Amino acid sequence: MEIVRKSAPEVAGHLGRAGLSFADAVGRTWGVMERSFEQGREEAARAREERERRERDDRERDARAHRESPEGADEASRPGESG
């Protein structure tokens, strides 16, 4: 029983340090995952904004090309007719 009395505090100390190390590792891992998710959300938002800008630019370019083309002007002057 004497070995238990002498070893118990040492074992408890090791377990305590191991627990603290584990808690620190979990906290760091959580932080990394949180930053990674946030970065993913930011990248998705940037990609969505860029896609929306391109689509808007495409619609504006198509509308401008339609107004400027002879066929577009002809079609606009004769609604309902198809050639």
PDB file of N, CA and C in Angstrom:
ATOM      1  N   MET A   1       0.828  -1.193   0.000  1.00  0.00           N
ATOM      2  CA  MET A   1       0.000   0.000   0.000  1.00  0.00           C
ATOM      3  C   MET A   1       0.870   1.254   0.000  1.00  0.00           C
ATOM      4  N   GLU A   2       2.076   1.134   0.448  1.00  0.00           N
ATOM      5  CA  GLU A   2       2.934   2.306   0.522  1.00  0.00           C
ATOM      6  C   GLU A   2       3.242   2.849  -0.867  1.00  0.00           C
ATOM      7  N   ILE A   3       3.391   1.945  -1.820  1.00  0.00           N
ATOM      8  CA  ILE A   3       3.685   2.409  -3.182  1.00  0.00           C
ATOM      9  C   ILE A   3       2.517   3.220  -3.752  1.00  0.00           C
ATOM     10  N   VAL A   4       1.310   2.822  -3.400  1.00  0.00           N
ATOM     11  CA  VAL A   4       0.133   3.559  -3.871  1.00  0.00           C
ATOM     12  C   VAL A   4       0.144   4.955  -3.282  1.00  0.00           C
ATOM     13  N   ARG A   5       0.457   5.073  -1.989  1.00  0.00           N
ATOM     14  CA  ARG A   5       0.483   6.388  -1.329  1.00  0.00           C
ATOM     15  C   ARG A   5       1.548   7.284  -1.940  1.00  0.00           C
ATOM     16  N   LYS A   6       2.666   6.728  -2.287  1.00  0.00           N
ATOM     17  CA  LYS A   6       3.751   7.532  -2.842  1.00  0.00           C
ATOM     18  C   LYS A   6       3.522   7.837  -4.326  1.00  0.00           C
ATOM     19  N   SER A   7       2.922   6.904  -5.042  1.00  0.00           N
ATOM     20  CA  SER A   7       2.742   7.066  -6.486  1.00  0.00           C
ATOM     21  C   SER A   7       1.473   7.829  -6.846  1.00  0.00           C
ATOM     22  N   ALA A   8       0.481   7.769  -6.003  1.00  0.00           N
ATOM     23  CA  ALA A   8      -0.805   8.399  -6.327  1.00  0.00           C
ATOM     24  C   ALA A   8      -0.661   9.885  -6.654  1.00  0.00           C
ATOM     25  N   PRO A   9       0.042  10.678  -5.857  1.00  0.00           N
ATOM     26  CA  PRO A   9       0.164  12.100  -6.214  1.00  0.00           C
ATOM     27  C   PRO A   9       0.887  12.316  -7.553  1.00  0.00           C
ATOM     28  N   GLU A  10       1.885  11.468  -7.809  1.00  0.00           N
ATOM     29  CA  GLU A  10       2.610  11.592  -9.079  1.00  0.00           C
ATOM     30  C   GLU A  10       1.702  11.245 -10.260  1.00  0.00           C
ATOM     31  N   VAL A  11       0.938  10.163 -10.119  1.00  0.00           N
ATOM     32  CA  VAL A  11       0.001   9.759 -11.164  1.00  0.00           C
ATOM     33  C   VAL A  11      -1.056  10.848 -11.362  1.00  0.00           C
ATOM     34  N   ALA A  12      -1.571  11.379 -10.274  1.00  0.00           N
ATOM     35  CA  ALA A  12      -2.579  12.438 -10.371  1.00  0.00           C
ATOM     36  C   ALA A  12      -2.007  13.659 -11.094  1.00  0.00           C
ATOM     37  N   GLY A  13      -0.766  13.991 -10.794  1.00  0.00           N
ATOM     38  CA  GLY A  13      -0.119  15.113 -11.469  1.00  0.00           C
ATOM     39  C   GLY A  13       0.004  14.873 -12.963  1.00  0.00           C
ATOM     40  N   HIS A  14       0.408  13.672 -13.333  1.00  0.00           N
ATOM     41  CA  HIS A  14       0.505  13.335 -14.762  1.00  0.00           C
ATOM     42  C   HIS A  14      -0.858  13.397 -15.437  1.00  0.00           C
ATOM     43  N   LEU A  15      -1.865  12.845 -14.769  1.00  0.00           N
ATOM     44  CA  LEU A  15      -3.214  12.868 -15.344  1.00  0.00           C
ATOM     45  C   LEU A  15      -3.724  14.302 -15.477  1.00  0.00           C
ATOM     46  N   GLY A  16      -3.429  15.122 -14.491  1.00  0.00           N
ATOM     47  CA  GLY A  16      -3.843  16.524 -14.550  1.00  0.00           C
ATOM     48  C   GLY A  16      -3.192  17.247 -15.714  1.00  0.00           C
ATOM     49  N   ARG A  17      -1.885  17.049 -15.867  1.00  0.00           N
ATOM     50  CA  ARG A  17      -1.186  17.690 -16.991  1.00  0.00           C
ATOM     51  C   ARG A  17      -1.696  17.148 -18.327  1.00  0.00           C
ATOM     52  N   ALA A  18      -1.967  15.857 -18.380  1.00  0.00           N
ATOM     53  CA  ALA A  18      -2.498  15.264 -19.611  1.00  0.00           C
ATOM     54  C   ALA A  18      -3.879  15.857 -19.918  1.00  0.00           C
ATOM     55  N   GLY A  19      -4.685  16.031 -18.899  1.00  0.00           N
ATOM     56  CA  GLY A  19      -6.008  16.627 -19.095  1.00  0.00           C
ATOM     57  C   GLY A  19      -5.907  18.054 -19.594  1.00  0.00           C
ATOM     58  N   LEU A  20      -4.984  18.823 -19.030  1.00  0.00           N
ATOM     59  CA  LEU A  20      -4.795  20.206 -19.481  1.00  0.00           C
ATOM     60  C   LEU A  20      -4.294  20.247 -20.923  1.00  0.00           C
ATOM     61  N   SER A  21      -3.378  19.344 -21.240  1.00  0.00           N
ATOM     62  CA  SER A  21      -2.872  19.285 -22.617  1.00  0.00           C
ATOM     63  C   SER A  21      -3.991  18.923 -23.591  1.00  0.00           C
ATOM     64  N   PHE A  22      -4.826  17.985 -23.186  1.00  0.00           N
ATOM     65  CA  PHE A  22      -5.947  17.574 -24.020  1.00  0.00           C
ATOM     66  C   PHE A  22      -6.918  18.743 -24.224  1.00  0.00           C
ATOM     67  N   ALA A  23      -7.247  19.437 -23.145  1.00  0.00           N
ATOM     68  CA  ALA A  23      -8.158  20.579 -23.241  1.00  0.00           C
ATOM     69  C   ALA A  23      -7.563  21.663 -24.143  1.00  0.00           C
ATOM     70  N   ASP A  24      -6.277  21.913 -24.030  1.00  0.00           N
ATOM     71  CA  ASP A  24      -5.614  22.900 -24.879  1.00  0.00           C
ATOM     72  C   ASP A  24      -5.686  22.472 -26.347  1.00  0.00           C
ATOM     73  N   ALA A  25      -5.430  21.191 -26.605  1.00  0.00           N
ATOM     74  CA  ALA A  25      -5.476  20.685 -27.983  1.00  0.00           C
ATOM     75  C   ALA A  25      -6.877  20.804 -28.567  1.00  0.00           C
ATOM     76  N   VAL A  26      -7.879  20.484 -27.771  1.00  0.00           N
ATOM     77  CA  VAL A  26      -9.265  20.593 -28.237  1.00  0.00           C
ATOM     78  C   VAL A  26      -9.594  22.058 -28.538  1.00  0.00           C
ATOM     79  N   GLY A  27      -9.174  22.960 -27.664  1.00  0.00           N
ATOM     80  CA  GLY A  27      -9.419  24.385 -27.880  1.00  0.00           C
ATOM     81  C   GLY A  27      -8.747  24.900 -29.142  1.00  0.00           C
ATOM     82  N   ARG A  28      -7.524  24.492 -29.355  1.00  0.00           N
ATOM     83  CA  ARG A  28      -6.813  24.920 -30.570  1.00  0.00           C
ATOM     84  C   ARG A  28      -7.468  24.358 -31.819  1.00  0.00           C
ATOM     85  N   THR A  29      -7.853  23.098 -31.756  1.00  0.00           N
ATOM     86  CA  THR A  29      -8.518  22.459 -32.896  1.00  0.00           C
ATOM     87  C   THR A  29      -9.833  23.172 -33.205  1.00  0.00           C
ATOM     88  N   TRP A  30     -10.591  23.485 -32.172  1.00  0.00           N
ATOM     89  CA  TRP A  30     -11.849  24.200 -32.355  1.00  0.00           C
ATOM     90  C   TRP A  30     -11.586  25.550 -33.032  1.00  0.00           C
ATOM     91  N   GLY A  31     -10.562  26.254 -32.603  1.00  0.00           N
ATOM     92  CA  GLY A  31     -10.225  27.547 -33.195  1.00  0.00           C
ATOM     93  C   GLY A  31      -9.866  27.423 -34.664  1.00  0.00           C
ATOM     94  N   VAL A  32      -9.087  26.401 -34.999  1.00  0.00           N
ATOM     95  CA  VAL A  32      -8.707  26.182 -36.397  1.00  0.00           C
ATOM     96  C   VAL A  32      -9.934  25.881 -37.235  1.00  0.00           C
ATOM     97  N   MET A  33     -10.809  25.020 -36.742  1.00  0.00           N
ATOM     98  CA  MET A  33     -12.019  24.670 -37.480  1.00  0.00           C
ATOM     99  C   MET A  33     -12.918  25.892 -37.650  1.00  0.00           C
ATOM    100  N   GLU A  34     -13.048  26.680 -36.600  1.00  0.00           N
ATOM    101  CA  GLU A  34     -13.885  27.873 -36.662  1.00  0.00           C
ATOM    102  C   GLU A  34     -13.358  28.854 -37.717  1.00  0.00           C
ATOM    103  N   ARG A  35     -12.046  29.075 -37.723  1.00  0.00           N
ATOM    104  CA  ARG A  35     -11.448  29.972 -38.725  1.00  0.00           C
ATOM    105  C   ARG A  35     -11.627  29.407 -40.127  1.00  0.00           C
ATOM    106  N   SER A  36     -11.491  28.103 -40.261  1.00  0.00           N
ATOM    107  CA  SER A  36     -11.648  27.463 -41.564  1.00  0.00           C
ATOM    108  C   SER A  36     -13.076  27.637 -42.080  1.00  0.00           C
ATOM    109  N   PHE A  37     -14.069  27.420 -41.225  1.00  0.00           N
ATOM    110  CA  PHE A  37     -15.465  27.598 -41.632  1.00  0.00           C
ATOM    111  C   PHE A  37     -15.736  29.050 -42.001  1.00  0.00           C
ATOM    112  N   GLU A  38     -15.208  29.976 -41.220  1.00  0.00           N
ATOM    113  CA  GLU A  38     -15.406  31.400 -41.505  1.00  0.00           C
ATOM    114  C   GLU A  38     -14.779  31.770 -42.846  1.00  0.00           C
ATOM    115  N   GLN A  39     -13.587  31.259 -43.105  1.00  0.00           N
ATOM    116  CA  GLN A  39     -12.918  31.524 -44.378  1.00  0.00           C
ATOM    117  C   GLN A  39     -13.747  30.958 -45.533  1.00  0.00           C
ATOM    118  N   GLY A  40     -14.289  29.765 -45.336  1.00  0.00           N
ATOM    119  CA  GLY A  40     -15.140  29.162 -46.373  1.00  0.00           C
ATOM    120  C   GLY A  40     -16.372  29.998 -46.644  1.00  0.00           C
ATOM    121  N   ARG A  41     -17.002  30.521 -45.593  1.00  0.00           N
ATOM    122  CA  ARG A  41     -18.175  31.380 -45.782  1.00  0.00           C
ATOM    123  C   ARG A  41     -17.798  32.658 -46.525  1.00  0.00           C
ATOM    124  N   GLU A  42     -16.657  33.249 -46.167  1.00  0.00           N
ATOM    125  CA  GLU A  42     -16.213  34.475 -46.837  1.00  0.00           C
ATOM    126  C   GLU A  42     -15.912  34.218 -48.308  1.00  0.00           C
ATOM    127  N   GLU A  43     -15.251  33.100 -48.607  1.00  0.00           N
ATOM    128  CA  GLU A  43     -14.939  32.762 -49.998  1.00  0.00           C
ATOM    129  C   GLU A  43     -16.218  32.508 -50.796  1.00  0.00           C
ATOM    130  N   ALA A  44     -17.186  31.832 -50.175  1.00  0.00           N
ATOM    131  CA  ALA A  44     -18.455  31.577 -50.852  1.00  0.00           C
ATOM    132  C   ALA A  44     -19.183  32.884 -51.129  1.00  0.00           C
ATOM    133  N   ALA A  45     -19.153  33.806 -50.185  1.00  0.00           N
ATOM    134  CA  ALA A  45     -19.809  35.104 -50.388  1.00  0.00           C
ATOM    135  C   ALA A  45     -19.127  35.876 -51.517  1.00  0.00           C
ATOM    136  N   ARG A  46     -17.791  35.864 -51.535  1.00  0.00           N
ATOM    137  CA  ARG A  46     -17.069  36.548 -52.626  1.00  0.00           C
ATOM    138  C   ARG A  46     -17.397  35.922 -53.970  1.00  0.00           C
ATOM    139  N   ALA A  47     -17.428  34.591 -54.030  1.00  0.00           N
ATOM    140  CA  ALA A  47     -17.737  33.901 -55.283  1.00  0.00           C
ATOM    141  C   ALA A  47     -19.158  34.226 -55.733  1.00  0.00           C
ATOM    142  N   ARG A  48     -20.106  34.262 -54.791  1.00  0.00           N
ATOM    143  CA  ARG A  48     -21.492  34.587 -55.129  1.00  0.00           C
ATOM    144  C   ARG A  48     -21.593  36.018 -55.656  1.00  0.00           C
ATOM    145  N   GLU A  49     -20.924  36.960 -54.993  1.00  0.00           N
ATOM    146  CA  GLU A  49     -20.946  38.350 -55.451  1.00  0.00           C
ATOM    147  C   GLU A  49     -20.329  38.484 -56.835  1.00  0.00           C
ATOM    148  N   GLU A  50     -19.230  37.783 -57.071  1.00  0.00           N
ATOM    149  CA  GLU A  50     -18.574  37.832 -58.377  1.00  0.00           C
ATOM    150  C   GLU A  50     -19.482  37.244 -59.457  1.00  0.00           C
ATOM    151  N   ARG A  51     -20.133  36.114 -59.157  1.00  0.00           N
ATOM    152  CA  ARG A  51     -21.044  35.489 -60.117  1.00  0.00           C
ATOM    153  C   ARG A  51     -22.210  36.431 -60.425  1.00  0.00           C
ATOM    154  N   GLU A  52     -22.784  37.044 -59.381  1.00  0.00           N
ATOM    155  CA  GLU A  52     -23.896  37.969 -59.597  1.00  0.00           C
ATOM    156  C   GLU A  52     -23.457  39.176 -60.427  1.00  0.00           C
ATOM    157  N   ARG A  53     -22.247  39.681 -60.186  1.00  0.00           N
ATOM    158  CA  ARG A  53     -21.734  40.812 -60.955  1.00  0.00           C
ATOM    159  C   ARG A  53     -21.565  40.422 -62.422  1.00  0.00           C
ATOM    160  N   ARG A  54     -20.992  39.234 -62.675  1.00  0.00           N
ATOM    161  CA  ARG A  54     -20.817  38.767 -64.056  1.00  0.00           C
ATOM    162  C   ARG A  54     -22.163  38.593 -64.755  1.00  0.00           C
ATOM    163  N   GLU A  55     -23.132  38.010 -64.030  1.00  0.00           N
ATOM    164  CA  GLU A  55     -24.455  37.814 -64.633  1.00  0.00           C
ATOM    165  C   GLU A  55     -25.106  39.157 -64.951  1.00  0.00           C
ATOM    166  N   ARG A  56     -24.979  40.119 -64.043  1.00  0.00           N
ATOM    167  CA  ARG A  56     -25.541  41.452 -64.274  1.00  0.00           C
ATOM    168  C   ARG A  56     -24.857  42.103 -65.475  1.00  0.00           C
ATOM    169  N   ASP A  57     -23.525  42.009 -65.526  1.00  0.00           N
ATOM    170  CA  ASP A  57     -22.779  42.569 -66.663  1.00  0.00           C
ATOM    171  C   ASP A  57     -23.200  41.903 -67.972  1.00  0.00           C
ATOM    172  N   ASP A  58     -23.386  40.583 -67.934  1.00  0.00           N
ATOM    173  CA  ASP A  58     -23.811  39.860 -69.141  1.00  0.00           C
ATOM    174  C   ASP A  58     -25.199  40.324 -69.595  1.00  0.00           C
ATOM    175  N   ARG A  59     -26.123  40.473 -68.639  1.00  0.00           N
ATOM    176  CA  ARG A  59     -27.464  40.930 -69.001  1.00  0.00           C
ATOM    177  C   ARG A  59     -27.409  42.335 -69.597  1.00  0.00           C
ATOM    178  N   GLU A  60     -26.616  43.207 -68.988  1.00  0.00           N
ATOM    179  CA  GLU A  60     -26.496  44.574 -69.504  1.00  0.00           C
ATOM    180  C   GLU A  60     -25.867  44.582 -70.899  1.00  0.00           C
ATOM    181  N   ARG A  61     -24.825  43.772 -71.109  1.00  0.00           N
ATOM    182  CA  ARG A  61     -24.170  43.689 -72.409  1.00  0.00           C
ATOM    183  C   ARG A  61     -25.142  43.148 -73.453  1.00  0.00           C
ATOM    184  N   ASP A  62     -25.902  42.109 -73.087  1.00  0.00           N
ATOM    185  CA  ASP A  62     -26.872  41.540 -74.032  1.00  0.00           C
ATOM    186  C   ASP A  62     -27.959  42.550 -74.368  1.00  0.00           C
ATOM    187  N   ALA A  63     -28.428  43.280 -73.372  1.00  0.00           N
ATOM    188  CA  ALA A  63     -29.464  44.291 -73.631  1.00  0.00           C
ATOM    189  C   ALA A  63     -28.917  45.391 -74.522  1.00  0.00           C
ATOM    190  N   ARG A  64     -27.700  45.815 -74.273  1.00  0.00           N
ATOM    191  CA  ARG A  64     -27.068  46.858 -75.089  1.00  0.00           C
ATOM    192  C   ARG A  64     -26.882  46.351 -76.520  1.00  0.00           C
ATOM    193  N   ALA A  65     -26.413  45.120 -76.689  1.00  0.00           N
ATOM    194  CA  ALA A  65     -26.201  44.554 -78.020  1.00  0.00           C
ATOM    195  C   ALA A  65     -27.532  44.424 -78.757  1.00  0.00           C
ATOM    196  N   HIS A  66     -28.576  44.061 -78.033  1.00  0.00           N
ATOM    197  CA  HIS A  66     -29.895  43.912 -78.654  1.00  0.00           C
ATOM    198  C   HIS A  66     -30.411  45.267 -79.133  1.00  0.00           C
ATOM    199  N   ARG A  67     -30.230  46.319 -78.336  1.00  0.00           N
ATOM    200  CA  ARG A  67     -30.679  47.663 -78.722  1.00  0.00           C
ATOM    201  C   ARG A  67     -29.872  48.199 -79.905  1.00  0.00           C
ATOM    202  N   GLU A  68     -28.600  47.863 -79.957  1.00  0.00           N
ATOM    203  CA  GLU A  68     -27.718  48.412 -80.980  1.00  0.00           C
ATOM    204  C   GLU A  68     -27.751  47.632 -82.286  1.00  0.00           C
ATOM    205  N   SER A  69     -28.262  46.417 -82.279  1.00  0.00           N
ATOM    206  CA  SER A  69     -28.255  45.608 -83.494  1.00  0.00           C
ATOM    207  C   SER A  69     -29.427  45.995 -84.388  1.00  0.00           C
ATOM    208  N   PRO A  70     -29.230  45.904 -85.709  1.00  0.00           N
ATOM    209  CA  PRO A  70     -30.337  46.213 -86.634  1.00  0.00           C
ATOM    210  C   PRO A  70     -31.517  45.275 -86.424  1.00  0.00           C
ATOM    211  N   GLU A  71     -31.247  43.993 -86.158  1.00  0.00           N
ATOM    212  CA  GLU A  71     -32.344  43.050 -85.926  1.00  0.00           C
ATOM    213  C   GLU A  71     -33.100  43.404 -84.658  1.00  0.00           C
ATOM    214  N   GLY A  72     -32.361  43.827 -83.624  1.00  0.00           N
ATOM    215  CA  GLY A  72     -33.009  44.192 -82.365  1.00  0.00           C
ATOM    216  C   GLY A  72     -33.913  45.389 -82.544  1.00  0.00           C
ATOM    217  N   ALA A  73     -33.481  46.363 -83.323  1.00  0.00           N
ATOM    218  CA  ALA A  73     -34.309  47.550 -83.573  1.00  0.00           C
ATOM    219  C   ALA A  73     -35.518  47.154 -84.416  1.00  0.00           C
ATOM    220  N   ASP A  74     -35.317  46.269 -85.400  1.00  0.00           N
ATOM    221  CA  ASP A  74     -36.402  45.827 -86.261  1.00  0.00           C
ATOM    222  C   ASP A  74     -37.448  45.068 -85.459  1.00  0.00           C
ATOM    223  N   GLU A  75     -37.011  44.164 -84.598  1.00  0.00           N
ATOM    224  CA  GLU A  75     -37.927  43.393 -83.772  1.00  0.00           C
ATOM    225  C   GLU A  75     -38.676  44.293 -82.810  1.00  0.00           C
ATOM    226  N   ALA A  76     -38.006  45.296 -82.274  1.00  0.00           N
ATOM    227  CA  ALA A  76     -38.651  46.190 -81.340  1.00  0.00           C
ATOM    228  C   ALA A  76     -39.733  47.023 -82.025  1.00  0.00           C
ATOM    229  N   SER A  77     -39.544  47.328 -83.326  1.00  0.00           N
ATOM    230  CA  SER A  77     -40.530  48.156 -84.028  1.00  0.00           C
ATOM    231  C   SER A  77     -41.737  47.356 -84.480  1.00  0.00           C
ATOM    232  N   ARG A  78     -41.599  46.017 -84.562  1.00  0.00           N
ATOM    233  CA  ARG A  78     -42.709  45.175 -85.016  1.00  0.00           C
ATOM    234  C   ARG A  78     -42.982  44.074 -84.014  1.00  0.00           C
ATOM    235  N   PRO A  79     -43.571  44.409 -82.889  1.00  0.00           N
ATOM    236  CA  PRO A  79     -43.846  43.348 -81.908  1.00  0.00           C
ATOM    237  C   PRO A  79     -44.893  42.372 -82.445  1.00  0.00           C
ATOM    238  N   GLY A  80     -44.722  41.129 -82.105  1.00  0.00           N
ATOM    239  CA  GLY A  80     -45.681  40.107 -82.475  1.00  0.00           C
ATOM    240  C   GLY A  80     -45.373  39.416 -83.773  1.00  0.00           C
ATOM    241  N   GLU A  81     -44.556  40.003 -84.622  1.00  0.00           N
ATOM    242  CA  GLU A  81     -44.183  39.369 -85.881  1.00  0.00           C
ATOM    243  C   GLU A  81     -42.948  38.512 -85.665  1.00  0.00           C
ATOM    244  N   SER A  82     -42.922  37.389 -86.306  1.00  0.00           N
ATOM    245  CA  SER A  82     -41.722  36.562 -86.258  1.00  0.00           C
ATOM    246  C   SER A  82     -41.327  36.219 -87.673  1.00  0.00           C
ATOM    247  N   GLY A  83     -39.963  36.158 -87.885  1.00  0.00           N
ATOM    248  CA  GLY A  83     -39.479  36.002 -89.239  1.00  0.00           C
ATOM    249  C   GLY A  83     -39.091  34.659 -89.511  1.00  0.00           C
TER     250      GLY A  83
END
